[in-house]
Amino acid sequence: MTRSYHNPNPYIPASLSEIYDLLGAMFLWAPTFIDESGVFPERNLESEFHVLVESFGVVRKKLGEERYAKLVDLAAQAKALFADDPEDTNGKTDQGREVLLAIEAVIQEVRSSRVKAKLEDDGEEISGD
């Protein structure tokens, strides 16, 4: 069953740690990202990758242009892999999860480098966000 994207104003993660948390959830929701409980009926492959890519835009300055472009490309790759394996039967879901782990590694690299450089976050503390 194909569901369209209904929520015009989804919450977009606004920090590196929130993106990291989103990736963990996406790992579990793959490959369809559909909420079977019905609590989040708008959640699906399209909506979750929209949120992910938009979140990269929110922290783009912290990522830098090269990492930003890399993350957008990786997100497109992961989305395509999940779309090609909606029943989790042909191995592309596992490949998509590997791409999510690659995205996670980039996010963690940025967080670590920000802490090491003692760069303040928006709240004037050093947390890597």
Protein backbone atom coordinates (compact mmCIF):
# COMPACT_ATOMS: atom_id res chain seq x y z
CA MET A 1 0.00 0.00 0.00
CA THR A 2 1.34 3.41 -0.94
CA ARG A 3 0.66 6.27 1.42
CA SER A 4 1.19 9.86 0.45
CA TYR A 5 2.85 12.50 2.56
CA HIS A 6 0.17 14.37 4.55
CA ASN A 7 1.86 16.47 7.25
CA PRO A 8 2.80 19.85 5.75
CA ASN A 9 4.61 20.94 8.93
CA PRO A 10 6.53 17.98 10.40
CA TYR A 11 9.00 18.50 13.20
CA ILE A 12 12.48 18.89 11.71
CA PRO A 13 15.39 17.95 13.96
CA ALA A 14 17.36 21.09 14.74
CA SER A 15 20.61 19.71 16.12
CA LEU A 16 23.18 17.05 15.33
CA SER A 17 22.07 14.99 18.33
CA GLU A 18 18.44 15.10 17.19
CA ILE A 19 19.49 13.92 13.73
CA TYR A 20 21.45 11.11 15.38
CA ASP A 21 18.30 10.12 17.31
CA LEU A 22 16.19 10.24 14.13
CA LEU A 23 18.64 7.93 12.37
CA GLY A 24 18.32 5.39 15.18
CA ALA A 25 14.56 5.41 14.83
CA MET A 26 14.78 5.17 11.05
CA PHE A 27 17.00 2.11 11.40
CA LEU A 28 14.18 0.41 13.29
CA TRP A 29 11.31 1.65 11.05
CA ALA A 30 12.93 0.50 7.80
CA PRO A 31 12.05 -0.36 5.11
CA THR A 32 8.56 1.21 4.93
CA PHE A 33 8.69 3.61 7.89
CA ILE A 34 4.94 3.13 8.28
CA ASP A 35 3.61 3.29 11.83
CA GLU A 36 1.52 0.15 12.15
CA SER A 37 0.02 1.38 15.47
CA GLY A 38 -1.75 4.25 13.73
CA VAL A 39 -0.39 6.86 16.14
CA PHE A 40 1.60 8.53 13.35
CA PRO A 41 -0.46 7.84 10.23
CA GLU A 42 1.50 10.41 8.20
CA ARG A 43 4.82 8.61 8.71
CA ASN A 44 6.14 6.77 5.65
CA LEU A 45 9.23 6.50 3.46
CA GLU A 46 8.61 9.88 1.81
CA SER A 47 7.88 11.76 5.02
CA GLU A 48 10.84 10.41 6.96
CA PHE A 49 13.39 11.11 4.25
CA HIS A 50 11.91 14.57 3.78
CA VAL A 51 12.47 15.22 7.50
CA LEU A 52 16.00 13.79 7.35
CA VAL A 53 17.12 15.89 4.40
CA GLU A 54 15.49 19.03 5.80
CA SER A 55 17.32 18.46 9.09
CA PHE A 56 20.63 18.48 7.18
CA GLY A 57 19.66 21.93 5.93
CA VAL A 58 19.04 23.16 9.47
CA VAL A 59 22.59 22.23 10.54
CA ARG A 60 24.20 22.91 7.16
CA LYS A 61 26.55 25.56 8.56
CA LYS A 62 27.87 23.10 11.15
CA LEU A 63 28.26 20.35 8.54
CA GLY A 64 29.97 22.41 5.87
CA GLU A 65 29.04 22.24 2.20
CA GLU A 66 31.00 19.08 1.38
CA ARG A 67 29.49 17.04 4.21
CA TYR A 68 26.05 18.47 3.55
CA ALA A 69 26.19 17.37 -0.10
CA LYS A 70 27.49 13.95 0.94
CA LEU A 71 24.66 13.47 3.44
CA VAL A 72 21.98 14.49 0.94
CA ASP A 73 23.44 12.00 -1.54
CA LEU A 74 23.60 9.23 1.07
CA ALA A 75 19.99 9.91 2.08
CA ALA A 76 18.89 9.55 -1.56
CA GLN A 77 20.77 6.26 -1.81
CA ALA A 78 19.20 4.89 1.38
CA LYS A 79 15.71 5.97 0.34
CA ALA A 80 16.08 4.25 -3.03
CA LEU A 81 17.30 1.03 -1.40
CA PHE A 82 14.37 0.95 1.03
CA ALA A 83 11.91 1.72 -1.77
CA ASP A 84 13.29 -1.25 -3.73
CA ASP A 85 12.71 -3.64 -0.81
CA PRO A 86 9.38 -2.80 0.86
CA GLU A 87 8.89 -6.38 2.06
CA ASP A 88 12.48 -6.67 3.38
CA THR A 89 13.11 -9.73 1.22
CA ASN A 90 15.86 -8.91 -1.28
CA GLY A 91 18.69 -7.54 0.87
CA LYS A 92 18.32 -3.89 -0.12
CA THR A 93 16.87 -3.01 3.30
CA ASP A 94 20.10 -4.22 4.90
CA GLN A 95 22.07 -2.15 2.37
CA GLY A 96 19.88 0.86 3.20
CA ARG A 97 20.59 0.40 6.89
CA GLU A 98 24.31 0.36 6.10
CA VAL A 99 23.87 3.71 4.37
CA LEU A 100 22.04 5.05 7.45
CA LEU A 101 25.05 3.94 9.49
CA ALA A 102 27.32 5.86 7.09
CA ILE A 103 25.17 8.96 7.63
CA GLU A 104 25.38 8.41 11.37
CA ALA A 105 29.18 8.19 11.14
CA VAL A 106 29.35 11.58 9.39
CA ILE A 107 27.09 13.15 12.03
CA GLN A 108 29.20 11.69 14.84
CA GLU A 109 32.40 12.86 13.14
CA VAL A 110 31.05 16.42 13.03
CA ARG A 111 29.91 16.26 16.65
CA SER A 112 33.29 14.97 17.77
CA SER A 113 35.21 17.59 15.83
CA ARG A 114 33.04 20.36 17.27
CA VAL A 115 33.73 19.17 20.82
CA LYS A 116 37.45 18.81 20.14
CA ALA A 117 37.56 22.34 18.69
CA LYS A 118 35.50 23.58 21.67
CA LEU A 119 32.94 25.17 19.36
CA GLU A 120 29.96 26.55 21.21
CA ASP A 121 26.50 25.48 20.23
CA ASP A 122 23.48 27.73 20.04
CA GLY A 123 23.01 27.54 23.81
CA GLU A 124 26.56 28.77 24.48
CA GLU A 125 27.74 25.39 25.65
CA ILE A 126 30.05 22.85 24.06
CA SER A 127 28.08 19.70 23.34
CA GLY A 128 28.86 18.88 19.73
CA ASP A 129 25.41 19.90 18.54
